Structure formats: structure tokens, C-alpha cells
Amino acid sequence: MTLTLASIFADLPDPRTETANKKHRLSDILTIATCAVIAGAEGWEDIAAYGRAKEALFRQFLPLDNGIPSHDTFYRVFARLDPDAFADRFARWVAEVCRHTGLTPPDIDGPTHIAVDGKSARRSQKATSTGCLHLVEAWAVGNRLIVGQRSVPEGSNEIPAFRDLLATLDLNGAVVTIDAAGCHAETLEVIRERGGEYVVCVKGNQPALHEAVAGVFDRAAESAFAGCDGHTSVGDAHGRHEERSVTVVQDPTGLPAGWPDVGSVALVCRDRQVRGQENTSTVNYYLTSLRVDAAELAGLIRGHWGIESMHWILDVAFREDESRTAAGHAGANLAMIRRVAVSLLRRAGNKGSIHNRQLRAGWDDRYLIQVLQGLSKHSA
């Protein structure tokens, strides 16, 4: 049996110079680190300790000519490794596994739904607009898999990073949902150029567009929303009662020029009551290239927050917000491994929390191999 994880790194450029001090293969270093993070390792010393504890296992699949690398070696390699190239190899691996396991097209009805969002690692200081390591990522909602990541360069913000990430993705037949930070005409043009549809939240960072979309619904209200499509849903969970209504106007008029291929605008109203406390109400507008009914659009808007579930797992189970790894590219590369780990553990096909699955991957070598190679067709 071949540990396919090692093969995805075969053509990844090695950032190290060829000297006598280069004792460990790049694929060995990256494979051990990935397995260690899946099993709960949080930093470089954890990764090296896991490698030493599991050396007999790794020797079944990896050459390990000079044994297990030290924690300093793991750190130095990850700090210098190109994070975009590293993320792209993982994305390619996920796509390949999906093809071999029958998960392309996705195992859900309807088009592929890709949610794109940003996340900060608060303790990892960087000279970005948020003052810390900030990442943008693409998440396949139906399959719950990471499909791409870019880190925000120092001195920049997430807006160009969104475009850089989207430009790497094949979006044919996909619907991309994105929050207000991605509400820029140039970003939506990239989605359309890559073959995708978009659904984007419109807020005050685009005042002219926001005012124009609000005007569409003001005019619709004057005619009692004649010709509009609506959908209402009610949900109760965790002591929270929420009522949601979505109203859609297709082929809207009066919008500013330059927004590509607009098909519809949507008004989303939410009324929420938590444990009997006073109601809170929110109103949001959306712009989309789609011409679909309100129920379908409501599903896409709600589904977008699946990426927030992944962010919650990263902070609770993987303690990402506590990580101080920031030097060079180490933080971005370690963050990508965490996202792959979340993807694989959520699809591992057994009951139990993510933390429980991490522990099992550390204790049970057969389960670790299952996580790496056996993406289940059934949601975890």
C-alpha cells in the first residue's frame, strides 16, 4: 500500500539549498507534519515528538534516510516553503481523491457550492491590515473539503487575496458565495471569468450599490412586491428561535454600472430570539448572477456559513487563534495543514467529535490511514 499523501509533494519546490546539512527529504517532512496535525499536534515540538513516537509506522511508507527530523528542521522548512504552492498541492490532492471516490460532482443535489471567506490567527502577528496572520480560503460546502487557500501578504489586505485565490480555481458549474468583504466588481469578474456564478452580500463598504439595491426593494414594496418571489423558514436550535424571510427581484433596474452579469438581488430579514430574551432583527442585501427562486437562494446564503463551522473547529479543536507561529511562511503553511485535517476528519465516516477523532488518529494507526486514504461518501 502506498501512502498517497507523500506523492502529492513530489513536484513541490524545495526551498532549501543543496548542502551536506540537508539530511531529510521534503516529502518526509511534510507527510510527518500533516499526520501529526491530524493527530492533534499544535506546534513544531509536538510534530517532532509525534514523528519519533510513530517512526515505525512512517518507515513502512517513507525512506527516512536519517530518521525523524528535529523540531527546528520542521520549523525552518515550513518558514521558507512557498505557501501558495503548498496549498495548491493539497487542493490538487483533494480533487484527485474526490474523483477516485466518486465525489465529483458533489454528493449533493444542485451545483457545486464554494464558500469563500477570510480568517485571522489573532496571536500570530503580521503587518497585514488586521495586524496578524490573515488567510482567505475556499470551502466546498457539500463535501466539506478545503479546496484552496491564500495568505494575505504583509502590507496588504484580503481584497487582492480573494482574487488571487479565485483565479486558481476551476469554477465551471459552481456557485461562489462570499461576504461583504468580497463585494468588489473586480472580484466578481474573476468568478465569472473562471466559469462560476456568484452570490455576494452588499453592505456599507459599497455605499452606491447598497443604496441602489435598497431602492429596488423600496420600489417593490410600493407595489406590494408584485412579481417578486419569497421564501420563509423557521428554525429552533440550542435555545434559539429564528425566522428568516428571503425576497428576490430578478433583473433589477437602477443599479450602478460595472457590476458583472447581475441576475437578481435579494433581501434577507432575520428575527432571532435567544432563550426568551428580546428579539433582534437584521436586514441584509445580496447581489447575484443567478436567476433562481427565493428558496434556492436562501439555501445558498445559509449554506455559506458552513465555512464558519470550519473556523470554529479550527479555534476550538486546533487552537488556531492561540498559535503564535508567524515567522516567514510557517504560519500560513501550518494553517493549510489544519484545514486539510479538518476536511479529512469531518469526512472520516465515524461518530464522535473532531477532538475525539484527533485522539483516535494519534492512538490507532489503522484509523489514521483510513482518514488519509478513505474519504467516505457519507457525511460524517
Protein backbone atom coordinates (compact mmCIF):
# COMPACT_ATOMS: atom_id res chain seq x y z
CA MET A 1 0.00 0.00 0.00
CA THR A 2 1.29 3.45 -0.90
CA LEU A 3 0.80 6.43 1.39
CA THR A 4 -0.64 8.72 -1.29
CA LEU A 5 -0.07 11.81 0.82
CA ALA A 6 3.67 11.64 0.12
CA SER A 7 3.14 11.58 -3.63
CA ILE A 8 1.40 14.97 -3.75
CA PHE A 9 4.60 16.70 -2.68
CA ALA A 10 6.78 15.07 -5.35
CA ASP A 11 6.99 18.19 -7.56
CA LEU A 12 6.84 20.79 -4.78
CA PRO A 13 9.91 23.05 -4.98
CA ASP A 14 12.26 22.50 -2.04
CA PRO A 15 13.25 25.89 -0.53
CA ARG A 16 16.49 24.51 0.91
CA THR A 17 19.88 24.71 -0.76
CA GLU A 18 21.68 21.51 -1.65
CA THR A 19 24.32 21.11 1.06
CA ALA A 20 25.65 18.31 3.21
CA ASN A 21 23.38 19.53 6.01
CA LYS A 22 20.26 18.67 4.04
CA LYS A 23 19.51 15.29 5.61
CA HIS A 24 15.75 14.86 5.22
CA ARG A 25 13.55 14.57 2.16
CA LEU A 26 10.97 17.33 1.77
CA SER A 27 8.16 14.80 1.27
CA ASP A 28 9.11 13.04 4.52
CA ILE A 29 8.97 16.32 6.47
CA LEU A 30 5.61 17.35 5.04
CA THR A 31 4.00 13.92 5.40
CA ILE A 32 5.00 13.56 9.05
CA ALA A 33 3.79 17.08 9.83
CA THR A 34 0.42 16.50 8.18
CA CYS A 35 -0.17 13.24 10.04
CA ALA A 36 0.90 14.85 13.31
CA VAL A 37 -1.55 17.76 12.95
CA ILE A 38 -4.37 15.34 12.12
CA ALA A 39 -3.50 13.57 15.38
CA GLY A 40 -3.62 16.80 17.39
CA ALA A 41 -0.10 18.26 17.23
CA GLU A 42 -0.16 22.04 17.64
CA GLY A 43 3.46 23.11 17.13
CA TRP A 44 6.87 22.05 15.92
CA GLU A 45 7.92 20.22 19.09
CA ASP A 46 4.63 18.31 19.05
CA ILE A 47 5.20 17.36 15.40
CA ALA A 48 8.73 16.09 16.03
CA ALA A 49 7.61 14.15 19.12
CA TYR A 50 4.78 12.53 17.16
CA GLY A 51 7.21 11.57 14.40
CA ARG A 52 9.54 9.89 16.89
CA ALA A 53 6.66 8.04 18.55
CA LYS A 54 5.37 6.80 15.18
CA GLU A 55 8.71 6.20 13.47
CA ALA A 56 7.97 2.50 12.94
CA LEU A 57 4.75 3.40 11.12
CA PHE A 58 6.36 6.03 8.92
CA ARG A 59 9.19 3.68 7.95
CA GLN A 60 6.59 1.50 6.23
CA PHE A 61 5.92 4.29 3.73
CA LEU A 62 8.79 6.79 3.83
CA PRO A 63 12.56 6.38 3.27
CA LEU A 64 13.57 8.30 6.43
CA ASP A 65 17.23 8.02 5.46
CA ASN A 66 18.30 9.97 8.54
CA GLY A 67 15.44 9.26 10.90
CA ILE A 68 12.88 11.80 12.14
CA PRO A 69 13.72 15.49 11.65
CA SER A 70 14.17 17.75 14.67
CA HIS A 71 11.57 20.37 15.58
CA ASP A 72 13.97 23.07 14.33
CA THR A 73 14.09 21.38 10.93
CA PHE A 74 10.30 21.28 10.68
CA TYR A 75 10.14 24.95 11.61
CA ARG A 76 12.84 26.11 9.19
CA VAL A 77 11.36 24.23 6.24
CA PHE A 78 7.82 25.47 6.84
CA ALA A 79 9.04 29.03 7.32
CA ARG A 80 10.65 29.03 3.85
CA LEU A 81 8.19 26.86 1.90
CA ASP A 82 6.10 28.70 -0.72
CA PRO A 83 2.62 28.75 0.88
CA ASP A 84 0.74 29.13 -2.41
CA ALA A 85 2.50 26.15 -3.99
CA PHE A 86 1.95 24.12 -0.82
CA ALA A 87 -1.77 24.96 -0.70
CA ASP A 88 -2.19 24.19 -4.39
CA ARG A 89 -0.69 20.69 -3.96
CA PHE A 90 -3.20 19.95 -1.23
CA ALA A 91 -6.06 21.27 -3.33
CA ARG A 92 -4.95 19.07 -6.21
CA TRP A 93 -4.83 16.06 -3.90
CA VAL A 94 -8.35 16.72 -2.60
CA ALA A 95 -9.65 16.98 -6.18
CA GLU A 96 -7.93 13.73 -7.14
CA VAL A 97 -9.30 11.87 -4.13
CA CYS A 98 -12.78 13.19 -4.94
CA ARG A 99 -12.52 11.83 -8.47
CA HIS A 100 -11.39 8.40 -7.29
CA THR A 101 -14.10 8.14 -4.62
CA GLY A 102 -16.96 9.32 -6.80
CA LEU A 103 -17.35 12.68 -5.07
CA THR A 104 -17.20 14.74 -8.26
CA PRO A 105 -19.75 16.05 -8.93
CA PRO A 106 -20.56 16.62 -5.24
CA ASP A 107 -22.72 14.15 -3.35
CA ILE A 108 -25.50 16.72 -3.02
CA ASP A 109 -28.20 17.95 -5.37
CA GLY A 110 -27.59 21.13 -7.32
CA PRO A 111 -24.40 22.93 -8.35
CA THR A 112 -21.10 22.84 -6.53
CA HIS A 113 -21.23 25.42 -3.74
CA ILE A 114 -17.91 27.09 -2.90
CA ALA A 115 -17.89 29.39 0.13
CA VAL A 116 -15.02 31.89 0.24
CA ASP A 117 -14.14 33.74 3.43
CA GLY A 118 -11.26 35.16 5.46
CA LYS A 119 -9.95 34.23 8.90
CA SER A 120 -7.31 35.70 11.20
CA ALA A 121 -4.98 33.90 13.62
CA ARG A 122 -5.07 36.57 16.31
CA ARG A 123 -1.85 35.68 18.16
CA SER A 124 0.30 35.41 15.00
CA GLN A 125 1.42 38.97 14.45
CA LYS A 126 1.90 40.14 10.87
CA ALA A 127 1.95 43.54 9.20
CA THR A 128 -1.38 42.98 7.43
CA SER A 129 -4.47 45.17 7.62
CA THR A 130 -5.68 43.08 10.60
CA GLY A 131 -2.29 43.13 12.36
CA CYS A 132 -1.98 39.35 12.30
CA LEU A 133 -1.74 36.35 10.00
CA HIS A 134 -4.83 36.57 7.80
CA LEU A 135 -5.94 33.86 5.39
CA VAL A 136 -8.61 33.59 2.72
CA GLU A 137 -9.89 30.15 1.86
CA ALA A 138 -12.33 28.31 -0.38
CA TRP A 139 -14.51 25.60 1.13
CA ALA A 140 -16.63 23.07 -0.80
CA VAL A 141 -19.81 23.25 1.26
CA GLY A 142 -21.44 19.99 0.15
CA ASN A 143 -18.32 17.86 0.53
CA ARG A 144 -16.91 19.83 3.48
CA LEU A 145 -13.45 19.98 1.94
CA ILE A 146 -10.88 22.75 1.70
CA VAL A 147 -10.19 23.49 -1.97
CA GLY A 148 -7.81 26.45 -1.77
CA GLN A 149 -6.07 28.99 0.44
CA ARG A 150 -4.06 32.19 0.12
CA SER A 151 -2.40 34.21 2.87
CA VAL A 152 -2.63 38.00 2.88
CA PRO A 153 0.84 39.47 2.21
CA GLU A 154 2.31 41.90 4.68
CA GLY A 155 1.30 45.47 3.87
CA SER A 156 -1.90 44.30 2.18
CA ASN A 157 -5.47 43.22 2.91
CA GLU A 158 -7.78 40.39 1.92
CA ILE A 159 -9.30 42.03 -1.18
CA PRO A 160 -6.49 41.13 -3.64
CA ALA A 161 -6.02 37.80 -1.85
CA PHE A 162 -9.63 36.88 -2.68
CA ARG A 163 -8.92 37.48 -6.37
CA ASP A 164 -5.64 35.57 -6.29
CA LEU A 165 -7.38 32.57 -4.71
CA LEU A 166 -10.36 32.59 -7.06
CA ALA A 167 -8.05 32.79 -10.06
CA THR A 168 -6.59 29.37 -9.12
CA LEU A 169 -9.96 27.58 -9.00
CA ASP A 170 -11.94 25.86 -11.74
CA LEU A 171 -15.37 27.33 -11.08
CA ASN A 172 -17.25 25.87 -14.04
CA GLY A 173 -20.68 24.86 -12.78
CA ALA A 174 -20.01 26.30 -9.32
CA VAL A 175 -21.77 28.93 -7.24
CA VAL A 176 -19.40 31.05 -5.15
CA THR A 177 -20.78 32.72 -2.02
CA ILE A 178 -18.78 35.48 -0.42
CA ASP A 179 -19.40 38.04 2.33
CA ALA A 180 -19.32 41.82 2.01
CA ALA A 181 -15.51 41.94 2.11
CA GLY A 182 -15.56 40.34 -1.34
CA CYS A 183 -18.14 42.74 -2.74
CA HIS A 184 -15.97 44.33 -5.41
CA ALA A 185 -16.72 44.31 -9.12
CA GLU A 186 -13.21 43.10 -9.96
CA THR A 187 -13.60 40.10 -7.62
CA LEU A 188 -16.93 39.13 -9.13
CA GLU A 189 -15.44 39.46 -12.62
CA VAL A 190 -12.82 36.84 -11.68
CA ILE A 191 -15.60 34.45 -10.64
CA ARG A 192 -17.41 34.95 -13.93
CA GLU A 193 -14.21 34.60 -15.94
CA ARG A 194 -13.50 31.28 -14.18
CA GLY A 195 -16.94 29.99 -15.16
CA GLY A 196 -18.77 30.47 -11.86
CA GLU A 197 -21.88 32.17 -10.56
CA TYR A 198 -21.74 34.43 -7.52
CA VAL A 199 -23.85 35.38 -4.50
CA VAL A 200 -22.35 38.29 -2.54
CA CYS A 201 -23.53 40.24 0.50
CA VAL A 202 -23.90 44.01 -0.06
CA LYS A 203 -23.12 46.33 2.85
CA GLY A 204 -21.88 49.84 3.52
CA ASN A 205 -18.42 49.28 2.03
CA GLN A 206 -20.18 49.75 -1.33
CA PRO A 207 -22.49 52.70 -0.48
CA ALA A 208 -23.74 53.42 -4.00
CA LEU A 209 -24.58 49.78 -4.66
CA HIS A 210 -26.12 49.34 -1.20
CA GLU A 211 -28.37 52.37 -1.69
CA ALA A 212 -29.38 51.21 -5.17
CA VAL A 213 -30.28 47.67 -4.01
CA ALA A 214 -32.27 49.12 -1.11
CA GLY A 215 -34.06 51.30 -3.67
CA VAL A 216 -35.05 48.21 -5.68
CA PHE A 217 -36.90 46.85 -2.65
CA ASP A 218 -38.39 50.22 -1.72
CA ARG A 219 -39.98 50.32 -5.17
CA ALA A 220 -41.05 46.67 -4.87
CA ALA A 221 -42.75 47.44 -1.55
CA GLU A 222 -44.76 50.24 -3.19
CA SER A 223 -46.32 47.63 -5.49
CA ALA A 224 -46.81 45.11 -2.64
CA PHE A 225 -43.89 43.06 -4.01
CA ALA A 226 -45.85 42.12 -7.13
CA GLY A 227 -43.77 39.83 -9.33
CA CYS A 228 -41.25 39.10 -6.54
CA ASP A 229 -40.53 35.63 -5.21
CA GLY A 230 -40.40 34.98 -1.47
CA HIS A 231 -39.45 32.22 0.93
CA THR A 232 -39.84 31.99 4.71
CA SER A 233 -38.36 29.45 7.11
CA VAL A 234 -38.38 28.94 10.87
CA GLY A 235 -35.68 27.24 12.92
CA ASP A 236 -35.26 26.26 16.57
CA ALA A 237 -31.93 25.04 17.95
CA HIS A 238 -29.79 25.46 21.07
CA GLY A 239 -32.36 27.72 22.75
CA ARG A 240 -32.56 29.97 19.72
CA HIS A 241 -35.69 30.67 17.67
CA GLU A 242 -35.12 32.27 14.27
CA GLU A 243 -37.45 33.29 11.49
CA ARG A 244 -35.90 34.05 8.09
CA SER A 245 -37.50 35.56 5.02
CA VAL A 246 -35.91 35.97 1.61
CA THR A 247 -37.36 38.15 -1.14
CA VAL A 248 -35.88 38.10 -4.65
CA VAL A 249 -36.19 40.58 -7.50
CA GLN A 250 -34.87 39.32 -10.83
CA ASP A 251 -33.34 41.59 -13.47
CA PRO A 252 -33.33 44.64 -11.17
CA THR A 253 -33.09 48.16 -12.52
CA GLY A 254 -31.35 51.23 -11.19
CA LEU A 255 -28.08 49.59 -10.14
CA PRO A 256 -24.77 51.36 -10.79
CA ALA A 257 -22.84 50.27 -13.87
CA GLY A 258 -19.88 47.94 -13.74
CA TRP A 259 -21.27 45.03 -11.71
CA PRO A 260 -20.92 41.95 -13.92
CA ASP A 261 -23.87 39.89 -15.14
CA VAL A 262 -26.33 40.77 -12.36
CA GLY A 263 -29.31 38.41 -12.45
CA SER A 264 -31.09 39.16 -9.18
CA VAL A 265 -30.96 40.99 -5.87
CA ALA A 266 -32.22 39.59 -2.57
CA LEU A 267 -33.48 40.99 0.71
CA VAL A 268 -32.87 38.72 3.73
CA CYS A 269 -34.63 39.52 7.02
CA ARG A 270 -33.86 37.60 10.20
CA ASP A 271 -35.72 37.80 13.51
CA ARG A 272 -33.98 35.95 16.33
CA GLN A 273 -34.84 35.27 19.95
CA VAL A 274 -32.33 33.52 22.21
CA ARG A 275 -33.63 31.79 25.35
CA GLY A 276 -36.66 34.01 25.60
CA GLN A 277 -34.72 37.27 25.51
CA GLU A 278 -35.70 40.31 23.44
CA ASN A 279 -35.88 39.81 19.69
CA THR A 280 -33.06 41.02 17.46
CA SER A 281 -33.69 41.77 13.81
CA THR A 282 -31.23 42.11 10.92
CA VAL A 283 -31.65 43.08 7.29
CA ASN A 284 -29.10 42.21 4.59
CA TYR A 285 -28.97 42.65 0.84
CA TYR A 286 -27.40 40.31 -1.71
CA LEU A 287 -26.32 40.63 -5.32
CA THR A 288 -26.16 37.54 -7.53
CA SER A 289 -25.61 36.49 -11.11
CA LEU A 290 -28.24 33.77 -10.63
CA ARG A 291 -31.88 33.87 -11.65
CA VAL A 292 -33.30 31.32 -9.23
CA ASP A 293 -36.22 31.20 -6.84
CA ALA A 294 -36.03 32.52 -3.30
CA ALA A 295 -35.88 29.06 -1.69
CA GLU A 296 -32.78 28.05 -3.64
CA LEU A 297 -31.07 31.36 -2.95
CA ALA A 298 -31.94 31.07 0.75
CA GLY A 299 -30.23 27.66 0.83
CA LEU A 300 -27.06 29.06 -0.69
CA ILE A 301 -26.96 32.01 1.71
CA ARG A 302 -27.45 29.76 4.74
CA GLY A 303 -25.02 27.17 3.38
CA HIS A 304 -22.26 29.78 3.19
CA TRP A 305 -21.92 29.68 6.95
CA GLY A 306 -20.64 26.12 6.77
CA ILE A 307 -17.24 27.76 6.41
CA GLU A 308 -17.82 29.42 9.78
CA SER A 309 -18.29 25.97 11.28
CA MET A 310 -14.85 25.08 9.95
CA HIS A 311 -13.42 28.25 11.53
CA TRP A 312 -14.99 27.34 14.87
CA ILE A 313 -13.38 23.89 14.74
CA LEU A 314 -10.00 25.45 13.92
CA ASP A 315 -10.17 27.63 17.02
CA VAL A 316 -11.72 25.12 19.43
CA ALA A 317 -10.18 21.77 18.42
CA PHE A 318 -6.96 23.02 16.78
CA ARG A 319 -6.47 26.17 18.90
CA GLU A 320 -5.54 28.20 15.83
CA ASP A 321 -6.32 31.54 17.44
CA GLU A 322 -3.74 30.71 20.14
CA SER A 323 -0.97 29.90 17.66
CA ARG A 324 1.93 32.37 17.66
CA THR A 325 3.65 30.87 14.61
CA ALA A 326 4.26 33.80 12.29
CA ALA A 327 7.88 33.90 11.07
CA GLY A 328 8.25 33.61 7.33
CA HIS A 329 5.60 31.37 5.78
CA ALA A 330 5.41 28.95 8.73
CA GLY A 331 2.04 30.21 9.95
CA ALA A 332 0.31 30.06 6.57
CA ASN A 333 1.68 26.58 5.81
CA LEU A 334 0.70 25.18 9.20
CA ALA A 335 -2.75 26.75 8.77
CA MET A 336 -3.20 24.92 5.47
CA ILE A 337 -2.42 21.60 7.13
CA ARG A 338 -5.02 22.35 9.82
CA ARG A 339 -7.66 22.96 7.15
CA VAL A 340 -6.82 19.71 5.40
CA ALA A 341 -7.01 17.95 8.76
CA VAL A 342 -10.47 19.40 9.42
CA SER A 343 -11.59 18.29 5.95
CA LEU A 344 -10.38 14.73 6.40
CA LEU A 345 -11.51 14.28 9.99
CA ARG A 346 -15.00 15.57 9.22
CA ARG A 347 -15.28 13.05 6.39
CA ALA A 348 -13.77 10.14 8.28
CA GLY A 349 -17.13 8.42 8.46
CA ASN A 350 -17.42 7.66 12.17
CA LYS A 351 -19.21 9.17 15.13
CA GLY A 352 -17.56 11.40 17.68
CA SER A 353 -16.29 14.96 17.98
CA ILE A 354 -13.37 16.27 15.97
CA HIS A 355 -11.27 16.18 19.15
CA ASN A 356 -12.21 12.53 19.66
CA ARG A 357 -11.21 11.74 16.08
CA GLN A 358 -7.88 13.51 16.56
CA LEU A 359 -7.15 11.37 19.59
CA ARG A 360 -8.10 8.22 17.76
CA ALA A 361 -5.86 9.15 14.82
CA GLY A 362 -2.99 9.51 17.30
CA TRP A 363 -3.71 6.19 19.02
CA ASP A 364 -4.85 3.99 16.12
CA ASP A 365 -2.56 3.75 13.09
CA ARG A 366 -5.21 1.97 11.03
CA TYR A 367 -7.65 4.79 11.67
CA LEU A 368 -5.03 7.36 10.65
CA ILE A 369 -4.56 5.57 7.31
CA GLN A 370 -8.34 5.48 6.90
CA VAL A 371 -8.50 9.23 7.46
CA LEU A 372 -5.77 9.85 4.89
CA GLN A 373 -6.95 7.47 2.19
CA GLY A 374 -10.55 6.65 2.82
CA LEU A 375 -12.66 9.75 2.22
CA SER A 376 -16.13 8.42 2.85
CA LYS A 377 -19.03 9.14 0.52
CA HIS A 378 -21.17 9.62 3.60
CA SER A 379 -21.15 12.83 5.56
CA ALA A 380 -19.55 12.49 8.95
